[in-house]
Amino acid sequence: MERKKKKDLLGLKDLSGQEIEEIISWAEKMKENSKRGVEEQFLKGKCIALLFTKPSTRTQVSFEVAKALFLMTSRSPGWPTSA
């Protein structure tokens, strides 16, 4: 997938059909790599912000798991995080 710099994704309407297909294909490859025990390195060391508008333990845990799988760190404002 060709990387576009500084493109914010706010919804699927912002993507073309081809871009959506590329993302799905890329995700399938990542899933197969994960099953084979291959660590993805492209996000290693990147820091993500975890900002949730509503408290949700399940959502937070999902993001924490993804963060760990991709070897990233995170920051959050410390708001309550469970419903």
C-alpha atoms as a PDB file:
ATOM      1  CA  MET A   1       0.000   0.000   0.000  1.00  0.00           C
ATOM      2  CA  GLU A   2       1.349   3.385  -0.944  1.00  0.00           C
ATOM      3  CA  ARG A   3       1.865   5.509   2.145  1.00  0.00           C
ATOM      4  CA  LYS A   4       0.309   8.940   2.122  1.00  0.00           C
ATOM      5  CA  LYS A   5       1.789  11.478   4.505  1.00  0.00           C
ATOM      6  CA  LYS A   6      -0.343  13.261   7.082  1.00  0.00           C
ATOM      7  CA  LYS A   7      -3.686  11.955   5.923  1.00  0.00           C
ATOM      8  CA  ASP A   8      -6.210  11.851   8.730  1.00  0.00           C
ATOM      9  CA  LEU A   9      -8.777   9.087   8.584  1.00  0.00           C
ATOM     10  CA  LEU A  10     -12.061  10.227  10.060  1.00  0.00           C
ATOM     11  CA  GLY A  11     -14.268   7.717   8.286  1.00  0.00           C
ATOM     12  CA  LEU A  12     -14.535   5.310   5.375  1.00  0.00           C
ATOM     13  CA  LYS A  13     -16.034   8.042   3.203  1.00  0.00           C
ATOM     14  CA  ASP A  14     -12.550   9.595   3.155  1.00  0.00           C
ATOM     15  CA  LEU A  15     -11.147   6.527   1.341  1.00  0.00           C
ATOM     16  CA  SER A  16     -11.520   5.232  -2.190  1.00  0.00           C
ATOM     17  CA  GLY A  17     -12.674   1.672  -2.818  1.00  0.00           C
ATOM     18  CA  GLN A  18      -9.127   0.761  -3.848  1.00  0.00           C
ATOM     19  CA  GLU A  19      -7.696   2.174  -0.611  1.00  0.00           C
ATOM     20  CA  ILE A  20     -10.186   0.144   1.439  1.00  0.00           C
ATOM     21  CA  GLU A  21      -9.252  -3.028  -0.472  1.00  0.00           C
ATOM     22  CA  GLU A  22      -5.538  -2.302   0.118  1.00  0.00           C
ATOM     23  CA  ILE A  23      -6.120  -1.865   3.858  1.00  0.00           C
ATOM     24  CA  ILE A  24      -8.036  -5.153   4.066  1.00  0.00           C
ATOM     25  CA  SER A  25      -5.317  -6.967   2.100  1.00  0.00           C
ATOM     26  CA  TRP A  26      -2.631  -5.471   4.342  1.00  0.00           C
ATOM     27  CA  ALA A  27      -4.575  -6.518   7.474  1.00  0.00           C
ATOM     28  CA  GLU A  28      -4.914 -10.088   6.164  1.00  0.00           C
ATOM     29  CA  LYS A  29      -1.131 -10.270   5.624  1.00  0.00           C
ATOM     30  CA  MET A  30      -0.524  -8.934   9.135  1.00  0.00           C
ATOM     31  CA  LYS A  31      -2.907 -11.538  10.582  1.00  0.00           C
ATOM     32  CA  GLU A  32      -1.060 -14.347   8.785  1.00  0.00           C
ATOM     33  CA  ASN A  33       2.284 -12.989  10.001  1.00  0.00           C
ATOM     34  CA  SER A  34       0.921 -12.900  13.549  1.00  0.00           C
ATOM     35  CA  LYS A  35      -0.156 -16.551  13.319  1.00  0.00           C
ATOM     36  CA  ARG A  36       3.403 -17.437  12.248  1.00  0.00           C
ATOM     37  CA  GLY A  37       4.883 -15.468  15.152  1.00  0.00           C
ATOM     38  CA  VAL A  38       6.356 -12.693  12.995  1.00  0.00           C
ATOM     39  CA  GLU A  39       6.656  -9.413  14.931  1.00  0.00           C
ATOM     40  CA  GLU A  40       5.616  -6.321  12.997  1.00  0.00           C
ATOM     41  CA  GLN A  41       8.321  -3.662  13.327  1.00  0.00           C
ATOM     42  CA  PHE A  42       6.898  -0.740  11.349  1.00  0.00           C
ATOM     43  CA  LEU A  43       5.289   0.897  14.409  1.00  0.00           C
ATOM     44  CA  LYS A  44       7.958  -0.084  16.943  1.00  0.00           C
ATOM     45  CA  GLY A  45       8.760   2.815  19.245  1.00  0.00           C
ATOM     46  CA  LYS A  46       5.908   5.008  18.002  1.00  0.00           C
ATOM     47  CA  CYS A  47       3.745   6.669  20.636  1.00  0.00           C
ATOM     48  CA  ILE A  48      -0.038   6.812  20.336  1.00  0.00           C
ATOM     49  CA  ALA A  49      -2.525   8.909  22.284  1.00  0.00           C
ATOM     50  CA  LEU A  50      -5.403   7.014  23.866  1.00  0.00           C
ATOM     51  CA  LEU A  51      -8.316   9.430  24.052  1.00  0.00           C
ATOM     52  CA  PHE A  52     -11.791   8.053  24.630  1.00  0.00           C
ATOM     53  CA  THR A  53     -14.949  10.171  24.718  1.00  0.00           C
ATOM     54  CA  LYS A  54     -16.809   7.525  26.722  1.00  0.00           C
ATOM     55  CA  PRO A  55     -15.384   5.180  29.348  1.00  0.00           C
ATOM     56  CA  SER A  56     -15.141   1.634  27.994  1.00  0.00           C
ATOM     57  CA  THR A  57     -12.930  -1.057  29.485  1.00  0.00           C
ATOM     58  CA  ARG A  58     -13.331  -3.338  26.458  1.00  0.00           C
ATOM     59  CA  THR A  59     -12.287  -0.606  24.012  1.00  0.00           C
ATOM     60  CA  GLN A  60      -9.326   0.424  26.131  1.00  0.00           C
ATOM     61  CA  VAL A  61      -8.137  -3.177  26.482  1.00  0.00           C
ATOM     62  CA  SER A  62      -8.416  -3.670  22.695  1.00  0.00           C
ATOM     63  CA  PHE A  63      -6.194  -0.657  22.070  1.00  0.00           C
ATOM     64  CA  GLU A  64      -3.728  -1.733  24.780  1.00  0.00           C
ATOM     65  CA  VAL A  65      -3.433  -5.192  23.170  1.00  0.00           C
ATOM     66  CA  ALA A  66      -2.835  -3.655  19.730  1.00  0.00           C
ATOM     67  CA  LYS A  67      -0.247  -1.317  21.253  1.00  0.00           C
ATOM     68  CA  ALA A  68       1.623  -4.266  22.737  1.00  0.00           C
ATOM     69  CA  LEU A  69       1.451  -6.317  19.515  1.00  0.00           C
ATOM     70  CA  PHE A  70       2.982  -3.474  17.512  1.00  0.00           C
ATOM     71  CA  LEU A  71       5.606  -2.604  20.157  1.00  0.00           C
ATOM     72  CA  MET A  72       4.259   0.933  20.674  1.00  0.00           C
ATOM     73  CA  THR A  73       3.958   3.149  23.734  1.00  0.00           C
ATOM     74  CA  SER A  74       0.959   5.286  24.662  1.00  0.00           C
ATOM     75  CA  ARG A  75      -0.078   8.346  26.577  1.00  0.00           C
ATOM     76  CA  SER A  76      -3.489   9.136  27.995  1.00  0.00           C
ATOM     77  CA  PRO A  77      -4.804  12.056  30.035  1.00  0.00           C
ATOM     78  CA  GLY A  78      -5.669   9.770  32.950  1.00  0.00           C
ATOM     79  CA  TRP A  79      -9.426  10.122  32.730  1.00  0.00           C
ATOM     80  CA  PRO A  80     -11.620   7.361  34.157  1.00  0.00           C
ATOM     81  CA  THR A  81     -11.430   4.376  31.821  1.00  0.00           C
ATOM     82  CA  SER A  82     -14.058   1.844  32.866  1.00  0.00           C
ATOM     83  CA  ALA A  83     -17.804   1.852  32.492  1.00  0.00           C
END
